[in-house]
Amino acid sequence: ASAIVIMHVLHHLKSYEEQEKLIGECVKRLDKDGMLLIDEVDKKYTF
C-alpha cells in the first residue's frame, strides 16, 4: 500500500505485543516513502 490508516483501533487490540506485531506488518507492506497514519486517544489523566 501507499498508505495505511489505523483510526481508533490500536487500543482495542488484545495486548501491547499485538499492537507491535500489527505495526511491524504494516511497515513491511508500505511502499517506499509510504505513510502510516494512526489516530489514537492520548493517555493522560484529563477529563
All heavy atoms as atom14 arrays in JSON, in Angstrom:
{
  "sequence": "ASAIVIMHVLHHLKSYEEQEKLIGECVKRLDKDGMLLIDEVDKKYTF",
  "atom14_mask": [
    [1, 1, 1, 1, 1, 0, 0, 0, 0, 0, 0, 0, 0, 0],
    [1, 1, 1, 1, 1, 1, 0, 0, 0, 0, 0, 0, 0, 0],
    [1, 1, 1, 1, 1, 0, 0, 0, 0, 0, 0, 0, 0, 0],
    [1, 1, 1, 1, 1, 1, 1, 1, 0, 0, 0, 0, 0, 0],
    [1, 1, 1, 1, 1, 1, 1, 0, 0, 0, 0, 0, 0, 0],
    [1, 1, 1, 1, 1, 1, 1, 1, 0, 0, 0, 0, 0, 0],
    [1, 1, 1, 1, 1, 1, 1, 1, 0, 0, 0, 0, 0, 0],
    [1, 1, 1, 1, 1, 1, 1, 1, 1, 1, 0, 0, 0, 0],
    [1, 1, 1, 1, 1, 1, 1, 0, 0, 0, 0, 0, 0, 0],
    [1, 1, 1, 1, 1, 1, 1, 1, 0, 0, 0, 0, 0, 0],
    [1, 1, 1, 1, 1, 1, 1, 1, 1, 1, 0, 0, 0, 0],
    [1, 1, 1, 1, 1, 1, 1, 1, 1, 1, 0, 0, 0, 0],
    [1, 1, 1, 1, 1, 1, 1, 1, 0, 0, 0, 0, 0, 0],
    [1, 1, 1, 1, 1, 1, 1, 1, 1, 0, 0, 0, 0, 0],
    [1, 1, 1, 1, 1, 1, 0, 0, 0, 0, 0, 0, 0, 0],
    [1, 1, 1, 1, 1, 1, 1, 1, 1, 1, 1, 1, 0, 0],
    [1, 1, 1, 1, 1, 1, 1, 1, 1, 0, 0, 0, 0, 0],
    [1, 1, 1, 1, 1, 1, 1, 1, 1, 0, 0, 0, 0, 0],
    [1, 1, 1, 1, 1, 1, 1, 1, 1, 0, 0, 0, 0, 0],
    [1, 1, 1, 1, 1, 1, 1, 1, 1, 0, 0, 0, 0, 0],
    [1, 1, 1, 1, 1, 1, 1, 1, 1, 0, 0, 0, 0, 0],
    [1, 1, 1, 1, 1, 1, 1, 1, 0, 0, 0, 0, 0, 0],
    [1, 1, 1, 1, 1, 1, 1, 1, 0, 0, 0, 0, 0, 0],
    [1, 1, 1, 1, 0, 0, 0, 0, 0, 0, 0, 0, 0, 0],
    [1, 1, 1, 1, 1, 1, 1, 1, 1, 0, 0, 0, 0, 0],
    [1, 1, 1, 1, 1, 1, 0, 0, 0, 0, 0, 0, 0, 0],
    [1, 1, 1, 1, 1, 1, 1, 0, 0, 0, 0, 0, 0, 0],
    [1, 1, 1, 1, 1, 1, 1, 1, 1, 0, 0, 0, 0, 0],
    [1, 1, 1, 1, 1, 1, 1, 1, 1, 1, 1, 0, 0, 0],
    [1, 1, 1, 1, 1, 1, 1, 1, 0, 0, 0, 0, 0, 0],
    [1, 1, 1, 1, 1, 1, 1, 1, 0, 0, 0, 0, 0, 0],
    [1, 1, 1, 1, 1, 1, 1, 1, 1, 0, 0, 0, 0, 0],
    [1, 1, 1, 1, 1, 1, 1, 1, 0, 0, 0, 0, 0, 0],
    [1, 1, 1, 1, 0, 0, 0, 0, 0, 0, 0, 0, 0, 0],
    [1, 1, 1, 1, 1, 1, 1, 1, 0, 0, 0, 0, 0, 0],
    [1, 1, 1, 1, 1, 1, 1, 1, 0, 0, 0, 0, 0, 0],
    [1, 1, 1, 1, 1, 1, 1, 1, 0, 0, 0, 0, 0, 0],
    [1, 1, 1, 1, 1, 1, 1, 1, 0, 0, 0, 0, 0, 0],
    [1, 1, 1, 1, 1, 1, 1, 1, 0, 0, 0, 0, 0, 0],
    [1, 1, 1, 1, 1, 1, 1, 1, 1, 0, 0, 0, 0, 0],
    [1, 1, 1, 1, 1, 1, 1, 0, 0, 0, 0, 0, 0, 0],
    [1, 1, 1, 1, 1, 1, 1, 1, 0, 0, 0, 0, 0, 0],
    [1, 1, 1, 1, 1, 1, 1, 1, 1, 0, 0, 0, 0, 0],
    [1, 1, 1, 1, 1, 1, 1, 1, 1, 0, 0, 0, 0, 0],
    [1, 1, 1, 1, 1, 1, 1, 1, 1, 1, 1, 1, 0, 0],
    [1, 1, 1, 1, 1, 1, 1, 0, 0, 0, 0, 0, 0, 0],
    [1, 1, 1, 1, 1, 1, 1, 1, 1, 1, 1, 0, 0, 0]
  ],
  "atom14_positions": [
    [[0.82, -1.21, 0.0], [0.0, 0.0, 0.0], [0.86, 1.26, 0.0], [1.99, 1.26, 0.48], [-0.92, 0.01, 1.22], [0.0, 0.0, 0.0], [0.0, 0.0, 0.0], [0.0, 0.0, 0.0], [0.0, 0.0, 0.0], [0.0, 0.0, 0.0], [0.0, 0.0, 0.0], [0.0, 0.0, 0.0], [0.0, 0.0, 0.0], [0.0, 0.0, 0.0]],
    [[0.28, 2.32, -0.53], [0.9, 3.65, -0.45], [0.7, 4.25, 0.93], [1.53, 5.02, 1.41], [0.29, 4.57, -1.51], [0.41, 4.03, -2.8], [0.0, 0.0, 0.0], [0.0, 0.0, 0.0], [0.0, 0.0, 0.0], [0.0, 0.0, 0.0], [0.0, 0.0, 0.0], [0.0, 0.0, 0.0], [0.0, 0.0, 0.0], [0.0, 0.0, 0.0]],
    [[-0.43, 3.9, 1.55], [-0.73, 4.42, 2.89], [-1.63, 3.43, 3.63], [-2.47, 2.77, 3.01], [-1.4, 5.78, 2.82], [0.0, 0.0, 0.0], [0.0, 0.0, 0.0], [0.0, 0.0, 0.0], [0.0, 0.0, 0.0], [0.0, 0.0, 0.0], [0.0, 0.0, 0.0], [0.0, 0.0, 0.0], [0.0, 0.0, 0.0], [0.0, 0.0, 0.0]],
    [[-1.42, 3.34, 4.93], [-2.26, 2.51, 5.79], [-2.78, 3.38, 6.93], [-2.01, 4.1, 7.56], [-1.48, 1.31, 6.35], [-1.01, 0.39, 5.2], [-2.34, 0.51, 7.33], [-0.12, -0.76, 5.64], [0.0, 0.0, 0.0], [0.0, 0.0, 0.0], [0.0, 0.0, 0.0], [0.0, 0.0, 0.0], [0.0, 0.0, 0.0], [0.0, 0.0, 0.0]],
    [[-4.08, 3.3, 7.16], [-4.74, 4.1, 8.19], [-5.2, 3.18, 9.32], [-5.81, 2.13, 9.07], [-5.97, 4.84, 7.62], [-6.69, 5.62, 8.71], [-5.55, 5.78, 6.48], [0.0, 0.0, 0.0], [0.0, 0.0, 0.0], [0.0, 0.0, 0.0], [0.0, 0.0, 0.0], [0.0, 0.0, 0.0], [0.0, 0.0, 0.0], [0.0, 0.0, 0.0]],
    [[-4.88, 3.56, 10.56], [-5.36, 2.83, 11.74], [-6.01, 3.86, 12.66], [-5.34, 4.56, 13.41], [-4.22, 2.1, 12.46], [-3.41, 1.22, 11.49], [-4.77, 1.24, 13.6], [-2.21, 0.55, 12.13], [0.0, 0.0, 0.0], [0.0, 0.0, 0.0], [0.0, 0.0, 0.0], [0.0, 0.0, 0.0], [0.0, 0.0, 0.0], [0.0, 0.0, 0.0]],
    [[-7.31, 3.95, 12.59], [-8.04, 5.01, 13.28], [-8.91, 4.43, 14.4], [-9.8, 3.62, 14.13], [-8.89, 5.79, 12.27], [-9.63, 6.97, 12.84], [-10.54, 7.89, 11.57], [-9.19, 8.67, 10.7], [0.0, 0.0, 0.0], [0.0, 0.0, 0.0], [0.0, 0.0, 0.0], [0.0, 0.0, 0.0], [0.0, 0.0, 0.0], [0.0, 0.0, 0.0]],
    [[-8.64, 4.82, 15.65], [-9.44, 4.37, 16.79], [-9.4, 2.86, 16.96], [-10.39, 2.25, 17.39], [-10.92, 4.8, 16.65], [-11.13, 6.24, 16.37], [-12.26, 6.72, 15.74], [-10.37, 7.33, 16.61], [-12.18, 8.02, 15.62], [-11.04, 8.42, 16.15], [0.0, 0.0, 0.0], [0.0, 0.0, 0.0], [0.0, 0.0, 0.0], [0.0, 0.0, 0.0]],
    [[-8.29, 2.24, 16.64], [-8.22, 0.77, 16.62], [-7.17, 0.19, 17.57], [-7.44, -0.78, 18.28], [-7.95, 0.27, 15.18], [-7.63, -1.23, 15.18], [-9.15, 0.55, 14.29], [0.0, 0.0, 0.0], [0.0, 0.0, 0.0], [0.0, 0.0, 0.0], [0.0, 0.0, 0.0], [0.0, 0.0, 0.0], [0.0, 0.0, 0.0], [0.0, 0.0, 0.0]],
    [[-5.98, 0.77, 17.61], [-4.87, 0.15, 18.33], [-5.21, -0.21, 19.77], [-4.86, -1.28, 20.25], [-3.64, 1.06, 18.31], [-2.72, 1.01, 17.09], [-1.5, 1.87, 17.33], [-2.33, -0.41, 16.74], [0.0, 0.0, 0.0], [0.0, 0.0, 0.0], [0.0, 0.0, 0.0], [0.0, 0.0, 0.0], [0.0, 0.0, 0.0], [0.0, 0.0, 0.0]],
    [[-5.89, 0.69, 20.48], [-6.15, 0.42, 21.9], [-7.17, -0.7, 22.11], [-7.37, -1.16, 23.22], [-6.59, 1.7, 22.64], [-7.87, 2.29, 22.16], [-7.95, 3.22, 21.14], [-9.15, 2.1, 22.57], [-9.2, 3.58, 20.95], [-9.95, 2.91, 21.81], [0.0, 0.0, 0.0], [0.0, 0.0, 0.0], [0.0, 0.0, 0.0], [0.0, 0.0, 0.0]],
    [[-7.82, -1.14, 21.02], [-8.78, -2.24, 21.12], [-8.13, -3.6, 20.89], [-8.8, -4.63, 21.06], [-9.92, -2.05, 20.11], [-10.86, -0.95, 20.46], [-11.73, -1.04, 21.52], [-11.07, 0.26, 19.88], [-12.44, 0.08, 21.59], [-12.05, 0.88, 20.62], [0.0, 0.0, 0.0], [0.0, 0.0, 0.0], [0.0, 0.0, 0.0], [0.0, 0.0, 0.0]],
    [[-6.88, -3.63, 20.48], [-6.21, -4.92, 20.3], [-5.99, -5.61, 21.65], [-6.16, -5.0, 22.7], [-4.88, -4.72, 19.56], [-4.99, -4.12, 18.15], [-3.63, -4.09, 17.48], [-5.99, -4.87, 17.28], [0.0, 0.0, 0.0], [0.0, 0.0, 0.0], [0.0, 0.0, 0.0], [0.0, 0.0, 0.0], [0.0, 0.0, 0.0], [0.0, 0.0, 0.0]],
    [[-5.62, -6.87, 21.63], [-5.63, -7.67, 22.85], [-4.42, -7.46, 23.76], [-4.43, -7.91, 24.91], [-5.73, -9.15, 22.47], [-7.06, -9.49, 21.79], [-7.12, -10.96, 21.4], [-8.43, -11.28, 20.7], [-8.49, -12.69, 20.26], [0.0, 0.0, 0.0], [0.0, 0.0, 0.0], [0.0, 0.0, 0.0], [0.0, 0.0, 0.0], [0.0, 0.0, 0.0]],
    [[-3.38, -6.79, 23.26], [-2.19, -6.55, 24.07], [-1.31, -5.53, 23.37], [-1.46, -5.26, 22.17], [-1.41, -7.85, 24.28], [-0.87, -8.31, 23.05], [0.0, 0.0, 0.0], [0.0, 0.0, 0.0], [0.0, 0.0, 0.0], [0.0, 0.0, 0.0], [0.0, 0.0, 0.0], [0.0, 0.0, 0.0], [0.0, 0.0, 0.0], [0.0, 0.0, 0.0]],
    [[-0.33, -5.01, 24.12], [0.66, -4.13, 23.51], [1.52, -4.91, 22.52], [1.97, -4.38, 21.5], [1.54, -3.48, 24.58], [0.81, -2.45, 25.42], [0.65, -2.63, 26.79], [0.28, -1.29, 24.83], [-0.03, -1.69, 27.56], [-0.4, -0.36, 25.6], [-0.55, -0.56, 26.96], [-1.22, 0.38, 27.72], [0.0, 0.0, 0.0], [0.0, 0.0, 0.0]],
    [[1.73, -6.2, 22.79], [2.5, -7.04, 21.88], [1.78, -7.2, 20.54], [2.42, -7.21, 19.48], [2.74, -8.41, 22.51], [3.7, -8.43, 23.7], [3.09, -7.86, 24.98], [1.84, -7.82, 25.09], [3.86, -7.43, 25.86], [0.0, 0.0, 0.0], [0.0, 0.0, 0.0], [0.0, 0.0, 0.0], [0.0, 0.0, 0.0], [0.0, 0.0, 0.0]],
    [[0.45, -7.3, 20.6], [-0.31, -7.41, 19.36], [-0.24, -6.11, 18.56], [-0.2, -6.13, 17.33], [-1.77, -7.77, 19.67], [-2.54, -8.25, 18.46], [-3.87, -8.86, 18.81], [-4.81, -8.11, 19.12], [-3.97, -10.11, 18.78], [0.0, 0.0, 0.0], [0.0, 0.0, 0.0], [0.0, 0.0, 0.0], [0.0, 0.0, 0.0], [0.0, 0.0, 0.0]],
    [[-0.21, -4.99, 19.27], [-0.01, -3.71, 18.59], [1.31, -3.7, 17.82], [1.37, -3.29, 16.66], [-0.02, -2.55, 19.6], [-1.35, -2.27, 20.25], [-1.27, -1.11, 21.23], [-0.23, -0.48, 21.38], [-2.37, -0.84, 21.91], [0.0, 0.0, 0.0], [0.0, 0.0, 0.0], [0.0, 0.0, 0.0], [0.0, 0.0, 0.0], [0.0, 0.0, 0.0]],
    [[2.37, -4.15, 18.51], [3.7, -4.15, 17.9], [3.74, -5.05, 16.68], [4.33, -4.7, 15.64], [4.74, -4.58, 18.93], [6.16, -4.48, 18.42], [7.2, -4.58, 19.54], [6.81, -4.65, 20.72], [8.4, -4.56, 19.21], [0.0, 0.0, 0.0], [0.0, 0.0, 0.0], [0.0, 0.0, 0.0], [0.0, 0.0, 0.0], [0.0, 0.0, 0.0]],
    [[3.12, -6.2, 16.76], [3.08, -7.13, 15.64], [2.36, -6.51, 14.44], [2.83, -6.61, 13.3], [2.39, -8.42, 16.06], [2.35, -9.48, 14.97], [1.67, -10.75, 15.47], [1.59, -11.79, 14.36], [0.89, -13.04, 14.82], [0.0, 0.0, 0.0], [0.0, 0.0, 0.0], [0.0, 0.0, 0.0], [0.0, 0.0, 0.0], [0.0, 0.0, 0.0]],
    [[1.23, -5.84, 14.69], [0.46, -5.24, 13.61], [1.23, -4.1, 12.95], [1.3, -4.01, 11.71], [-0.88, -4.72, 14.13], [-1.77, -4.03, 13.09], [-2.17, -5.01, 11.98], [-3.0, -3.42, 13.74], [0.0, 0.0, 0.0], [0.0, 0.0, 0.0], [0.0, 0.0, 0.0], [0.0, 0.0, 0.0], [0.0, 0.0, 0.0], [0.0, 0.0, 0.0]],
    [[1.82, -3.22, 13.75], [2.58, -2.11, 13.18], [3.76, -2.63, 12.37], [4.06, -2.12, 11.28], [3.07, -1.15, 14.28], [1.88, -0.52, 15.01], [3.96, -0.07, 13.69], [0.96, 0.29, 14.12], [0.0, 0.0, 0.0], [0.0, 0.0, 0.0], [0.0, 0.0, 0.0], [0.0, 0.0, 0.0], [0.0, 0.0, 0.0], [0.0, 0.0, 0.0]],
    [[4.44, -3.67, 12.87], [5.55, -4.25, 12.14], [5.13, -4.77, 10.78], [5.82, -4.56, 9.77], [0.0, 0.0, 0.0], [0.0, 0.0, 0.0], [0.0, 0.0, 0.0], [0.0, 0.0, 0.0], [0.0, 0.0, 0.0], [0.0, 0.0, 0.0], [0.0, 0.0, 0.0], [0.0, 0.0, 0.0], [0.0, 0.0, 0.0], [0.0, 0.0, 0.0]],
    [[3.97, -5.42, 10.73], [3.45, -5.93, 9.47], [3.09, -4.79, 8.52], [3.35, -4.86, 7.31], [2.24, -6.82, 9.73], [1.63, -7.46, 8.5], [2.56, -8.43, 7.79], [3.52, -8.93, 8.43], [2.34, -8.69, 6.58], [0.0, 0.0, 0.0], [0.0, 0.0, 0.0], [0.0, 0.0, 0.0], [0.0, 0.0, 0.0], [0.0, 0.0, 0.0]],
    [[2.5, -3.75, 9.07], [2.14, -2.59, 8.24], [3.37, -1.96, 7.6], [3.37, -1.63, 6.41], [1.42, -1.54, 9.09], [-0.25, -1.99, 9.59], [0.0, 0.0, 0.0], [0.0, 0.0, 0.0], [0.0, 0.0, 0.0], [0.0, 0.0, 0.0], [0.0, 0.0, 0.0], [0.0, 0.0, 0.0], [0.0, 0.0, 0.0], [0.0, 0.0, 0.0]],
    [[4.41, -1.77, 8.4], [5.63, -1.14, 7.88], [6.22, -1.98, 6.75], [6.67, -1.44, 5.73], [6.66, -0.95, 9.02], [7.99, -0.46, 8.45], [6.13, 0.06, 10.04], [0.0, 0.0, 0.0], [0.0, 0.0, 0.0], [0.0, 0.0, 0.0], [0.0, 0.0, 0.0], [0.0, 0.0, 0.0], [0.0, 0.0, 0.0], [0.0, 0.0, 0.0]],
    [[6.21, -3.3, 6.89], [6.73, -4.18, 5.85], [5.97, -4.01, 4.54], [6.55, -4.12, 3.45], [6.63, -5.64, 6.3], [7.58, -6.05, 7.39], [7.35, -7.51, 7.75], [8.19, -7.93, 8.95], [7.9, -9.34, 9.35], [0.0, 0.0, 0.0], [0.0, 0.0, 0.0], [0.0, 0.0, 0.0], [0.0, 0.0, 0.0], [0.0, 0.0, 0.0]],
    [[4.68, -3.75, 4.64], [3.84, -3.73, 3.44], [3.72, -2.34, 2.82], [3.13, -2.2, 1.75], [2.44, -4.26, 3.79], [2.41, -5.63, 4.43], [3.26, -6.64, 3.68], [2.76, -6.89, 2.33], [3.43, -7.51, 1.38], [4.68, -7.92, 1.61], [2.9, -7.71, 0.2], [0.0, 0.0, 0.0], [0.0, 0.0, 0.0], [0.0, 0.0, 0.0]],
    [[4.27, -1.34, 3.46], [4.22, 0.01, 2.88], [5.2, 0.14, 1.72], [6.31, -0.4, 1.75], [4.58, 1.06, 3.93], [3.52, 1.44, 4.95], [4.11, 2.39, 5.99], [2.29, 2.09, 4.28], [0.0, 0.0, 0.0], [0.0, 0.0, 0.0], [0.0, 0.0, 0.0], [0.0, 0.0, 0.0], [0.0, 0.0, 0.0], [0.0, 0.0, 0.0]],
    [[4.78, 0.88, 0.69], [5.68, 1.23, -0.39], [6.82, 2.09, 0.15], [6.73, 2.65, 1.25], [4.94, 2.02, -1.48], [3.87, 1.19, -2.17], [3.96, -0.05, -2.15], [2.94, 1.8, -2.74], [0.0, 0.0, 0.0], [0.0, 0.0, 0.0], [0.0, 0.0, 0.0], [0.0, 0.0, 0.0], [0.0, 0.0, 0.0], [0.0, 0.0, 0.0]],
    [[7.88, 2.23, -0.64], [8.95, 3.15, -0.28], [8.37, 4.54, -0.09], [7.59, 5.01, -0.92], [10.03, 3.17, -1.37], [11.22, 4.04, -1.03], [12.25, 4.02, -2.15], [13.42, 4.93, -1.81], [14.43, 4.95, -2.91], [0.0, 0.0, 0.0], [0.0, 0.0, 0.0], [0.0, 0.0, 0.0], [0.0, 0.0, 0.0], [0.0, 0.0, 0.0]],
    [[8.72, 5.2, 1.0], [8.17, 6.52, 1.38], [6.67, 6.46, 1.67], [6.0, 7.5, 1.66], [8.44, 7.57, 0.29], [9.93, 7.79, 0.05], [10.68, 7.78, 1.03], [10.32, 7.96, -1.12], [0.0, 0.0, 0.0], [0.0, 0.0, 0.0], [0.0, 0.0, 0.0], [0.0, 0.0, 0.0], [0.0, 0.0, 0.0], [0.0, 0.0, 0.0]],
    [[6.15, 5.25, 1.91], [4.73, 5.12, 2.21], [4.38, 5.7, 3.57], [5.25, 5.95, 4.41], [0.0, 0.0, 0.0], [0.0, 0.0, 0.0], [0.0, 0.0, 0.0], [0.0, 0.0, 0.0], [0.0, 0.0, 0.0], [0.0, 0.0, 0.0], [0.0, 0.0, 0.0], [0.0, 0.0, 0.0], [0.0, 0.0, 0.0], [0.0, 0.0, 0.0]],
    [[3.08, 5.91, 3.79], [2.6, 6.56, 5.01], [1.81, 5.61, 5.89], [0.96, 4.85, 5.41], [1.71, 7.76, 4.65], [1.07, 8.45, 5.86], [-0.04, 9.8, 5.39], [1.14, 10.98, 4.71], [0.0, 0.0, 0.0], [0.0, 0.0, 0.0], [0.0, 0.0, 0.0], [0.0, 0.0, 0.0], [0.0, 0.0, 0.0], [0.0, 0.0, 0.0]],
    [[2.09, 5.67, 7.17], [1.28, 5.01, 8.2], [0.64, 6.1, 9.02], [1.34, 6.9, 9.64], [2.14, 4.1, 9.08], [1.43, 3.42, 10.26], [0.35, 2.47, 9.76], [2.44, 2.68, 11.13], [0.0, 0.0, 0.0], [0.0, 0.0, 0.0], [0.0, 0.0, 0.0], [0.0, 0.0, 0.0], [0.0, 0.0, 0.0], [0.0, 0.0, 0.0]],
    [[-0.68, 6.16, 9.01], [-1.4, 7.22, 9.72], [-2.2, 6.59, 10.85], [-3.07, 5.75, 10.61], [-2.3, 7.99, 8.75], [-2.91, 9.29, 9.26], [-3.18, 10.25, 8.09], [-4.21, 9.06, 10.02], [0.0, 0.0, 0.0], [0.0, 0.0, 0.0], [0.0, 0.0, 0.0], [0.0, 0.0, 0.0], [0.0, 0.0, 0.0], [0.0, 0.0, 0.0]],
    [[-1.9, 7.0, 12.07], [-2.54, 6.44, 13.26], [-3.28, 7.55, 14.01], [-2.71, 8.6, 14.29], [-1.5, 5.79, 14.19], [-0.77, 4.65, 13.46], [-2.15, 5.28, 15.47], [0.43, 4.12, 14.21], [0.0, 0.0, 0.0], [0.0, 0.0, 0.0], [0.0, 0.0, 0.0], [0.0, 0.0, 0.0], [0.0, 0.0, 0.0], [0.0, 0.0, 0.0]],
    [[-4.53, 7.3, 14.33], [-5.33, 8.23, 15.13], [-5.67, 7.52, 16.43], [-6.34, 6.49, 16.42], [-6.6, 8.62, 14.36], [-7.42, 9.67, 15.07], [-6.86, 10.39, 15.92], [-8.62, 9.8, 14.77], [0.0, 0.0, 0.0], [0.0, 0.0, 0.0], [0.0, 0.0, 0.0], [0.0, 0.0, 0.0], [0.0, 0.0, 0.0], [0.0, 0.0, 0.0]],
    [[-5.18, 8.07, 17.55], [-5.36, 7.38, 18.83], [-5.62, 8.35, 19.98], [-5.19, 9.52, 19.95], [-4.1, 6.57, 19.17], [-4.17, 5.11, 18.74], [-5.25, 4.34, 19.48], [-5.4, 4.49, 20.71], [-5.95, 3.55, 18.82], [0.0, 0.0, 0.0], [0.0, 0.0, 0.0], [0.0, 0.0, 0.0], [0.0, 0.0, 0.0], [0.0, 0.0, 0.0]],
    [[-6.31, 7.86, 20.99], [-6.52, 8.6, 22.23], [-5.17, 8.78, 22.94], [-4.36, 7.86, 23.02], [-7.49, 7.83, 23.15], [-7.5, 8.42, 24.55], [-8.9, 7.83, 22.56], [0.0, 0.0, 0.0], [0.0, 0.0, 0.0], [0.0, 0.0, 0.0], [0.0, 0.0, 0.0], [0.0, 0.0, 0.0], [0.0, 0.0, 0.0], [0.0, 0.0, 0.0]],
    [[-4.94, 9.99, 23.43], [-3.72, 10.29, 24.2], [-4.0, 9.97, 25.67], [-4.87, 10.57, 26.31], [-3.37, 11.77, 24.02], [-2.11, 12.18, 24.76], [-1.34, 11.27, 25.15], [-1.89, 13.39, 24.94], [0.0, 0.0, 0.0], [0.0, 0.0, 0.0], [0.0, 0.0, 0.0], [0.0, 0.0, 0.0], [0.0, 0.0, 0.0], [0.0, 0.0, 0.0]],
    [[-3.23, 9.02, 26.19], [-3.45, 8.6, 27.58], [-2.8, 9.59, 28.55], [-1.63, 9.51, 28.89], [-2.84, 7.21, 27.81], [-3.1, 6.66, 29.21], [-2.49, 5.28, 29.38], [-2.74, 4.74, 30.78], [-2.14, 3.4, 30.98], [0.0, 0.0, 0.0], [0.0, 0.0, 0.0], [0.0, 0.0, 0.0], [0.0, 0.0, 0.0], [0.0, 0.0, 0.0]],
    [[-3.6, 10.55, 28.95], [-3.18, 11.47, 30.01], [-4.42, 11.72, 30.85], [-5.53, 11.81, 30.33], [-2.62, 12.77, 29.45], [-3.52, 13.52, 28.48], [-2.82, 14.76, 27.97], [-3.72, 15.55, 27.02], [-3.03, 16.76, 26.51], [0.0, 0.0, 0.0], [0.0, 0.0, 0.0], [0.0, 0.0, 0.0], [0.0, 0.0, 0.0], [0.0, 0.0, 0.0]],
    [[-4.24, 11.84, 32.15], [-5.38, 11.78, 33.05], [-6.09, 13.13, 33.15], [-5.95, 13.88, 34.11], [-4.93, 11.24, 34.41], [-4.55, 9.79, 34.29], [-3.22, 9.42, 34.11], [-5.52, 8.79, 34.28], [-2.87, 8.08, 33.96], [-5.18, 7.46, 34.13], [-3.86, 7.11, 33.97], [-3.52, 5.78, 33.8], [0.0, 0.0, 0.0], [0.0, 0.0, 0.0]],
    [[-6.86, 13.38, 32.09], [-7.68, 14.58, 31.99], [-9.14, 14.14, 31.92], [-9.45, 12.95, 31.76], [-7.33, 15.37, 30.72], [-7.62, 14.54, 29.57], [-5.85, 15.77, 30.7], [0.0, 0.0, 0.0], [0.0, 0.0, 0.0], [0.0, 0.0, 0.0], [0.0, 0.0, 0.0], [0.0, 0.0, 0.0], [0.0, 0.0, 0.0], [0.0, 0.0, 0.0]],
    [[-10.04, 15.11, 31.99], [-11.46, 14.8, 31.85], [-11.75, 14.16, 30.5], [-12.53, 13.2, 30.4], [-12.29, 16.08, 32.01], [-13.76, 15.87, 31.74], [-14.57, 15.27, 32.68], [-14.31, 16.26, 30.53], [-15.92, 15.05, 32.42], [-15.66, 16.06, 30.26], [-16.46, 15.45, 31.21], [0.0, 0.0, 0.0], [0.0, 0.0, 0.0], [0.0, 0.0, 0.0]]
  ]
}
